[in-house]
Amino acid sequence: MSMHAQFRRRYRLDETPVPFTLNGVLETGRRGDTVLTAILSVSGRLRQSEFTGEDRAGFCLIGACQDCYVMLVNGSRVRACSTALEQGMAFITDLDGHGGGRS
């Protein structure tokens, strides 16, 4: 089942594109995006819960909880709501580690 993006970009459309990889698929955010904004602009969820497998989209969105941590391909985690997107970042957000990009 295909899910649509949670966020719809309406402003800053002319900002510099910032390429990143989501579950092996090349995607594009914009300069100034947080990781959370970039992922939810192309995906229906931020990640899957490691406990239940349910889709998550962040909770507090201000860096106070731990619901928005996402895994980088190198195995480290970043807090998506307060981490600036950088060119070349690569994320794994599916529990099986190799999901199909735009989910």
C-alpha atoms as a PDB file:
ATOM      1  CA  MET A   1       0.000   0.000   0.000  1.00  0.00           C
ATOM      2  CA  SER A   2       1.437   3.375  -0.979  1.00  0.00           C
ATOM      3  CA  MET A   3       1.155   6.261   1.456  1.00  0.00           C
ATOM      4  CA  HIS A   4       1.295   9.926   0.520  1.00  0.00           C
ATOM      5  CA  ALA A   5       3.693  12.392   2.109  1.00  0.00           C
ATOM      6  CA  GLN A   6       2.611  13.771   5.490  1.00  0.00           C
ATOM      7  CA  PHE A   7       3.864  17.284   4.685  1.00  0.00           C
ATOM      8  CA  ARG A   8       3.106  19.274   1.566  1.00  0.00           C
ATOM      9  CA  ARG A   9       5.730  21.900   0.792  1.00  0.00           C
ATOM     10  CA  ARG A  10       4.125  25.287   0.151  1.00  0.00           C
ATOM     11  CA  TYR A  11       6.971  27.691   0.904  1.00  0.00           C
ATOM     12  CA  ARG A  12      10.689  27.870   0.207  1.00  0.00           C
ATOM     13  CA  LEU A  13      10.215  25.957  -3.039  1.00  0.00           C
ATOM     14  CA  ASP A  14      13.144  27.826  -4.581  1.00  0.00           C
ATOM     15  CA  GLU A  15      15.635  26.909  -1.820  1.00  0.00           C
ATOM     16  CA  THR A  16      18.690  24.890  -2.822  1.00  0.00           C
ATOM     17  CA  PRO A  17      17.884  21.169  -3.224  1.00  0.00           C
ATOM     18  CA  VAL A  18      19.605  18.848  -0.730  1.00  0.00           C
ATOM     19  CA  PRO A  19      19.841  15.215  -1.878  1.00  0.00           C
ATOM     20  CA  PHE A  20      19.509  12.446   0.714  1.00  0.00           C
ATOM     21  CA  THR A  21      18.742   8.728   0.641  1.00  0.00           C
ATOM     22  CA  LEU A  22      15.719   7.155   2.315  1.00  0.00           C
ATOM     23  CA  ASN A  23      15.678   3.358   2.459  1.00  0.00           C
ATOM     24  CA  GLY A  24      17.972   3.163  -0.559  1.00  0.00           C
ATOM     25  CA  VAL A  25      15.998   5.637  -2.694  1.00  0.00           C
ATOM     26  CA  LEU A  26      17.444   9.032  -3.623  1.00  0.00           C
ATOM     27  CA  GLU A  27      15.170  11.843  -2.422  1.00  0.00           C
ATOM     28  CA  THR A  28      15.483  15.632  -2.253  1.00  0.00           C
ATOM     29  CA  GLY A  29      14.890  18.027   0.607  1.00  0.00           C
ATOM     30  CA  ARG A  30      15.561  21.760   0.678  1.00  0.00           C
ATOM     31  CA  ARG A  31      18.210  23.895   2.341  1.00  0.00           C
ATOM     32  CA  GLY A  32      16.993  24.691   5.856  1.00  0.00           C
ATOM     33  CA  ASP A  33      14.958  21.494   6.268  1.00  0.00           C
ATOM     34  CA  THR A  34      15.229  19.393   9.377  1.00  0.00           C
ATOM     35  CA  VAL A  35      15.576  15.661   8.827  1.00  0.00           C
ATOM     36  CA  LEU A  36      11.952  15.277   9.961  1.00  0.00           C
ATOM     37  CA  THR A  37      10.680  17.851   7.444  1.00  0.00           C
ATOM     38  CA  ALA A  38      12.666  16.306   4.599  1.00  0.00           C
ATOM     39  CA  ILE A  39      11.496  12.741   5.282  1.00  0.00           C
ATOM     40  CA  LEU A  40       7.838  13.629   5.885  1.00  0.00           C
ATOM     41  CA  SER A  41       7.834  15.726   2.708  1.00  0.00           C
ATOM     42  CA  VAL A  42       8.434  12.539   0.702  1.00  0.00           C
ATOM     43  CA  SER A  43       7.026   9.792   2.941  1.00  0.00           C
ATOM     44  CA  GLY A  44       3.868   8.929   4.819  1.00  0.00           C
ATOM     45  CA  ARG A  45       5.801   8.229   8.003  1.00  0.00           C
ATOM     46  CA  LEU A  46       9.033   9.121   9.712  1.00  0.00           C
ATOM     47  CA  ARG A  47       9.908   5.616  10.875  1.00  0.00           C
ATOM     48  CA  GLN A  48       8.504   2.392  12.288  1.00  0.00           C
ATOM     49  CA  SER A  49       8.398   1.810  16.032  1.00  0.00           C
ATOM     50  CA  GLU A  50      11.049  -0.691  17.073  1.00  0.00           C
ATOM     51  CA  PHE A  51       8.621  -2.046  19.678  1.00  0.00           C
ATOM     52  CA  THR A  52       5.368  -2.455  17.756  1.00  0.00           C
ATOM     53  CA  GLY A  53       6.249  -1.896  14.088  1.00  0.00           C
ATOM     54  CA  GLU A  54       3.645   0.880  13.925  1.00  0.00           C
ATOM     55  CA  ASP A  55       4.278   3.937  11.796  1.00  0.00           C
ATOM     56  CA  ARG A  56       5.545   6.987  13.658  1.00  0.00           C
ATOM     57  CA  ALA A  57       5.714  10.649  12.584  1.00  0.00           C
ATOM     58  CA  GLY A  58       7.337  12.196  15.649  1.00  0.00           C
ATOM     59  CA  PHE A  59       5.542  13.297  18.775  1.00  0.00           C
ATOM     60  CA  CYS A  60       6.586  16.592  20.360  1.00  0.00           C
ATOM     61  CA  LEU A  61       8.456  18.005  17.311  1.00  0.00           C
ATOM     62  CA  ILE A  62      10.602  20.219  19.582  1.00  0.00           C
ATOM     63  CA  GLY A  63      13.360  17.848  20.705  1.00  0.00           C
ATOM     64  CA  ALA A  64      11.908  16.989  24.116  1.00  0.00           C
ATOM     65  CA  CYS A  65      10.961  13.352  23.514  1.00  0.00           C
ATOM     66  CA  GLN A  66      12.741  10.521  21.715  1.00  0.00           C
ATOM     67  CA  ASP A  67      10.024   9.564  19.254  1.00  0.00           C
ATOM     68  CA  CYS A  68      11.692  11.017  16.168  1.00  0.00           C
ATOM     69  CA  TYR A  69      15.066   9.275  16.285  1.00  0.00           C
ATOM     70  CA  VAL A  70      15.962   7.841  12.874  1.00  0.00           C
ATOM     71  CA  MET A  71      18.833   5.559  11.956  1.00  0.00           C
ATOM     72  CA  LEU A  72      21.581   6.533   9.552  1.00  0.00           C
ATOM     73  CA  VAL A  73      23.012   3.788   7.340  1.00  0.00           C
ATOM     74  CA  ASN A  74      26.197   3.853   9.444  1.00  0.00           C
ATOM     75  CA  GLY A  75      24.149   2.693  12.465  1.00  0.00           C
ATOM     76  CA  SER A  76      24.084   5.970  14.384  1.00  0.00           C
ATOM     77  CA  ARG A  77      20.822   7.721  15.245  1.00  0.00           C
ATOM     78  CA  VAL A  78      19.819  11.351  14.958  1.00  0.00           C
ATOM     79  CA  ARG A  79      16.907  13.266  16.412  1.00  0.00           C
ATOM     80  CA  ALA A  80      14.999  14.128  13.223  1.00  0.00           C
ATOM     81  CA  CYS A  81      13.102  17.142  14.555  1.00  0.00           C
ATOM     82  CA  SER A  82      16.212  19.074  15.562  1.00  0.00           C
ATOM     83  CA  THR A  83      18.877  17.834  13.122  1.00  0.00           C
ATOM     84  CA  ALA A  84      19.495  19.873   9.990  1.00  0.00           C
ATOM     85  CA  LEU A  85      19.405  17.900   6.752  1.00  0.00           C
ATOM     86  CA  GLU A  86      22.831  17.679   5.140  1.00  0.00           C
ATOM     87  CA  GLN A  87      23.664  16.647   1.606  1.00  0.00           C
ATOM     88  CA  GLY A  88      24.317  12.926   1.296  1.00  0.00           C
ATOM     89  CA  MET A  89      22.671  11.810   4.537  1.00  0.00           C
ATOM     90  CA  ALA A  90      21.287   8.284   4.217  1.00  0.00           C
ATOM     91  CA  PHE A  91      18.496   6.966   6.440  1.00  0.00           C
ATOM     92  CA  ILE A  92      16.962   3.577   7.151  1.00  0.00           C
ATOM     93  CA  THR A  93      13.458   3.932   8.534  1.00  0.00           C
ATOM     94  CA  ASP A  94      12.047   0.458   7.906  1.00  0.00           C
ATOM     95  CA  LEU A  95      12.451  -2.252  10.545  1.00  0.00           C
ATOM     96  CA  ASP A  96      13.763  -4.693   7.962  1.00  0.00           C
ATOM     97  CA  GLY A  97      16.394  -2.107   6.998  1.00  0.00           C
ATOM     98  CA  HIS A  98      15.842  -2.103   3.263  1.00  0.00           C
ATOM     99  CA  GLY A  99      12.369  -0.801   2.619  1.00  0.00           C
ATOM    100  CA  GLY A 100      11.092   0.611  -0.602  1.00  0.00           C
ATOM    101  CA  GLY A 101      11.640   4.341  -0.436  1.00  0.00           C
ATOM    102  CA  ARG A 102       8.405   6.317  -0.840  1.00  0.00           C
ATOM    103  CA  SER A 103       6.189   4.456   1.562  1.00  0.00           C
END
